[in-house]
C-alpha atoms as a PDB file:
ATOM      1  CA  MET A   1     -15.006  -3.501   9.526  1.00  0.00           C
ATOM      2  CA  ASP A   2     -12.449  -5.028   6.931  1.00  0.00           C
ATOM      3  CA  ASP A   3      -9.925  -7.369   8.562  1.00  0.00           C
ATOM      4  CA  LYS A   4      -7.035  -5.605   6.346  1.00  0.00           C
ATOM      5  CA  LEU A   5      -5.677  -2.253   5.489  1.00  0.00           C
ATOM      6  CA  THR A   6      -4.303  -1.939   1.925  1.00  0.00           C
ATOM      7  CA  LEU A   7      -1.207   0.171   1.367  1.00  0.00           C
ATOM      8  CA  ALA A   8      -0.524   0.448  -2.999  1.00  0.00           C
ATOM      9  CA  VAL A   9       3.246   1.411  -3.619  1.00  0.00           C
ATOM     10  CA  LYS A  10       2.221   3.048  -7.010  1.00  0.00           C
ATOM     11  CA  ASP A  11       0.132   5.457  -4.942  1.00  0.00           C
ATOM     12  CA  PHE A  12       3.702   6.453  -3.577  1.00  0.00           C
ATOM     13  CA  SER A  13       5.329   6.051  -6.981  1.00  0.00           C
ATOM     14  CA  ARG A  14       4.979   4.363  -9.962  1.00  0.00           C
ATOM     15  CA  THR A  15       8.626   4.374 -10.081  1.00  0.00           C
ATOM     16  CA  PRO A  16      10.268   3.915  -6.590  1.00  0.00           C
ATOM     17  CA  SER A  17      14.122   3.837  -6.463  1.00  0.00           C
ATOM     18  CA  GLY A  18      17.046   4.500  -4.162  1.00  0.00           C
ATOM     19  CA  ARG A  19      17.741   3.899  -0.546  1.00  0.00           C
ATOM     20  CA  LEU A  20      18.054   7.192   1.120  1.00  0.00           C
ATOM     21  CA  ILE A  21      15.898  10.656   0.959  1.00  0.00           C
ATOM     22  CA  GLU A  22      19.109  12.008   0.190  1.00  0.00           C
ATOM     23  CA  ASP A  23      19.787  10.458  -3.165  1.00  0.00           C
ATOM     24  CA  GLU A  24      16.104  11.661  -4.317  1.00  0.00           C
ATOM     25  CA  PRO A  25      15.746  13.850  -7.491  1.00  0.00           C
ATOM     26  CA  ASN A  26      14.663  17.428  -5.647  1.00  0.00           C
ATOM     27  CA  ASP A  27      11.169  16.603  -7.528  1.00  0.00           C
ATOM     28  CA  LYS A  28      10.597  13.273  -7.390  1.00  0.00           C
ATOM     29  CA  PRO A  29      10.090  11.790  -3.640  1.00  0.00           C
ATOM     30  CA  MET A  30      10.943   7.650  -3.928  1.00  0.00           C
ATOM     31  CA  SER A  31      13.199   6.541  -1.796  1.00  0.00           C
ATOM     32  CA  GLY A  32      12.724   3.262   0.194  1.00  0.00           C
ATOM     33  CA  GLU A  33      13.617   5.442   3.225  1.00  0.00           C
ATOM     34  CA  ARG A  34      10.906   8.066   2.480  1.00  0.00           C
ATOM     35  CA  TRP A  35       8.042   5.273   1.915  1.00  0.00           C
ATOM     36  CA  PHE A  36       9.091   3.374   4.873  1.00  0.00           C
ATOM     37  CA  GLN A  37       8.698   6.297   6.707  1.00  0.00           C
ATOM     38  CA  SER A  38       5.532   7.976   5.590  1.00  0.00           C
ATOM     39  CA  HIS A  39       3.409   5.042   4.425  1.00  0.00           C
ATOM     40  CA  LEU A  40       4.877   1.788   5.449  1.00  0.00           C
ATOM     41  CA  LYS A  41       5.871   1.882   8.832  1.00  0.00           C
ATOM     42  CA  PRO A  42       2.629   4.197  10.043  1.00  0.00           C
ATOM     43  CA  ASN A  43       0.227   1.757   8.207  1.00  0.00           C
ATOM     44  CA  TYR A  44       2.376  -1.076   9.397  1.00  0.00           C
ATOM     45  CA  GLU A  45       1.861   0.098  13.368  1.00  0.00           C
ATOM     46  CA  LYS A  46      -1.801   0.655  12.745  1.00  0.00           C
ATOM     47  CA  ALA A  47      -2.183  -2.999  11.337  1.00  0.00           C
ATOM     48  CA  SER A  48      -0.529  -4.814  14.449  1.00  0.00           C
ATOM     49  CA  GLU A  49      -2.411  -1.803  16.578  1.00  0.00           C
ATOM     50  CA  LEU A  50      -5.787  -3.116  15.512  1.00  0.00           C
ATOM     51  CA  GLY A  51      -4.621  -6.615  14.921  1.00  0.00           C
ATOM     52  CA  LEU A  52      -5.460  -6.310  10.885  1.00  0.00           C
ATOM     53  CA  LYS A  53      -3.367  -7.893   7.899  1.00  0.00           C
ATOM     54  CA  LEU A  54      -1.713  -5.091   6.056  1.00  0.00           C
ATOM     55  CA  ASN A  55      -1.613  -6.231   2.066  1.00  0.00           C
ATOM     56  CA  VAL A  56       1.139  -4.751   0.628  1.00  0.00           C
ATOM     57  CA  ASP A  57       0.361  -4.042  -3.100  1.00  0.00           C
ATOM     58  CA  ILE A  58       3.791  -3.907  -5.064  1.00  0.00           C
ATOM     59  CA  THR A  59       1.452  -4.355  -8.648  1.00  0.00           C
ATOM     60  CA  GLY A  60       1.514  -1.521 -11.054  1.00  0.00           C
ATOM     61  CA  ILE A  61       4.902  -0.270 -10.430  1.00  0.00           C
ATOM     62  CA  LEU A  62       8.509  -0.375 -12.322  1.00  0.00           C
ATOM     63  CA  ALA A  63      10.271  -2.973 -10.342  1.00  0.00           C
ATOM     64  CA  PRO A  64      12.538  -0.978  -7.724  1.00  0.00           C
ATOM     65  CA  SER A  65      15.787  -1.472  -6.669  1.00  0.00           C
ATOM     66  CA  THR A  66      16.978  -3.545  -4.071  1.00  0.00           C
ATOM     67  CA  GLY A  67      17.639  -0.406  -1.886  1.00  0.00           C
ATOM     68  CA  PHE A  68      14.438   0.239  -1.999  1.00  0.00           C
ATOM     69  CA  TRP A  69      13.318  -2.695  -0.759  1.00  0.00           C
ATOM     70  CA  ASP A  70      16.531  -3.375   1.625  1.00  0.00           C
ATOM     71  CA  GLU A  71      15.561   0.440   2.962  1.00  0.00           C
ATOM     72  CA  SER A  72      11.753  -0.301   3.233  1.00  0.00           C
ATOM     73  CA  ILE A  73      10.277  -3.734   3.850  1.00  0.00           C
ATOM     74  CA  ALA A  74      13.945  -5.440   5.369  1.00  0.00           C
ATOM     75  CA  ARG A  75      13.861  -2.446   7.570  1.00  0.00           C
ATOM     76  CA  LEU A  76      10.664  -3.012   8.877  1.00  0.00           C
ATOM     77  CA  SER A  77      11.760  -6.673   9.393  1.00  0.00           C
ATOM     78  CA  ARG A  78      14.893  -5.441  11.576  1.00  0.00           C
ATOM     79  CA  GLU A  79      12.687  -3.179  13.526  1.00  0.00           C
ATOM     80  CA  PHE A  80       9.646  -5.167  14.378  1.00  0.00           C
ATOM     81  CA  GLY A  81      11.007  -8.762  13.537  1.00  0.00           C
ATOM     82  CA  ILE A  82      10.926 -11.032  11.000  1.00  0.00           C
ATOM     83  CA  ASP A  83       7.702 -13.412  12.973  1.00  0.00           C
ATOM     84  CA  ASN A  84       5.552  -9.768  13.546  1.00  0.00           C
ATOM     85  CA  VAL A  85       6.205  -8.314  10.001  1.00  0.00           C
ATOM     86  CA  PHE A  86       5.138 -11.943   8.346  1.00  0.00           C
ATOM     87  CA  GLU A  87       2.243 -12.299  10.561  1.00  0.00           C
ATOM     88  CA  THR A  88       1.088  -8.737   9.697  1.00  0.00           C
ATOM     89  CA  ILE A  89       2.273  -8.191   6.076  1.00  0.00           C
ATOM     90  CA  VAL A  90       0.978  -9.792   3.026  1.00  0.00           C
ATOM     91  CA  ILE A  91       2.321  -9.557  -0.311  1.00  0.00           C
ATOM     92  CA  ILE A  92       0.460  -8.652  -3.281  1.00  0.00           C
ATOM     93  CA  ALA A  93       2.103  -8.763  -6.751  1.00  0.00           C
ATOM     94  CA  ASP A  94       1.786  -9.768 -10.175  1.00  0.00           C
ATOM     95  CA  SER A  95       4.288 -13.069 -10.163  1.00  0.00           C
ATOM     96  CA  GLU A  96       5.277 -15.090  -7.821  1.00  0.00           C
ATOM     97  CA  PHE A  97       8.359 -14.269  -7.955  1.00  0.00           C
ATOM     98  CA  ASP A  98       7.993 -10.846  -7.212  1.00  0.00           C
ATOM     99  CA  LYS A  99       5.844 -11.900  -4.027  1.00  0.00           C
ATOM    100  CA  ASP A 100       8.987 -14.248  -3.271  1.00  0.00           C
ATOM    101  CA  GLU A 101      12.186 -11.426  -3.499  1.00  0.00           C
ATOM    102  CA  ILE A 102       9.721  -9.087  -1.377  1.00  0.00           C
ATOM    103  CA  GLU A 103       9.571 -11.961   0.922  1.00  0.00           C
ATOM    104  CA  THR A 104      13.328 -12.551   1.038  1.00  0.00           C
ATOM    105  CA  PHE A 105      13.834  -9.148   2.431  1.00  0.00           C
ATOM    106  CA  ILE A 106      11.419 -10.255   4.943  1.00  0.00           C
ATOM    107  CA  LYS A 107      12.814 -13.531   5.756  1.00  0.00           C
ATOM    108  CA  ASP A 108      16.581 -12.327   5.604  1.00  0.00           C
ATOM    109  CA  PRO A 109      16.379  -8.162   6.328  1.00  0.00           C
ATOM    110  CA  ASN A 110      20.081  -8.491   7.198  1.00  0.00           C
ATOM    111  CA  ASN A 111      21.273 -10.583   3.801  1.00  0.00           C
ATOM    112  CA  GLU A 112      22.884 -13.244   5.633  1.00  0.00           C
ATOM    113  CA  GLY A 113      22.642 -16.051   3.236  1.00  0.00           C
ATOM    114  CA  LEU A 114      19.465 -15.976   1.355  1.00  0.00           C
ATOM    115  CA  GLN A 115      20.454 -14.840  -2.521  1.00  0.00           C
ATOM    116  CA  LEU A 116      18.095 -12.993  -4.878  1.00  0.00           C
ATOM    117  CA  GLU A 117      17.863 -14.316  -8.590  1.00  0.00           C
ATOM    118  CA  SER A 118      18.956 -11.312 -10.990  1.00  0.00           C
ATOM    119  CA  ARG A 119      15.804 -10.335 -13.271  1.00  0.00           C
END
C-alpha cells in the first residue's frame, strides 16, 4: 500500500479560477469552493484517517486567482488547523515560487500578515 494519495488540480480543471460556486460560468465548474468540496476536503479527510500524506499536484494548470486558493487550501487550514494540514499535505509544483505561494495559504489562512508576491 502506498503511503500517500495524490490529488492533481488539473484533473479538476486546467484553468481553475474564482472563489465561489455561484461565480462559475454555467458550463465550467472551476471554483475554489467546488474543488474544496468535491476533491480537496474528501481526499484530505481520507489521507488523515489513513495516516497518509496527500500530494496536491498543482502542475499543468494555468495559475489560479488568489480567491481559488483562499477558498480551498486556506479554508482547509482554517477548518482542520495549520499544523494538521502541514503534516498531511505535500505541494507538488513546477517551481519553488509556486510551492511557497500555496504554502503561504496554509501558514496564514486568515491573511493576517504574510504578503504574497505578485506575478
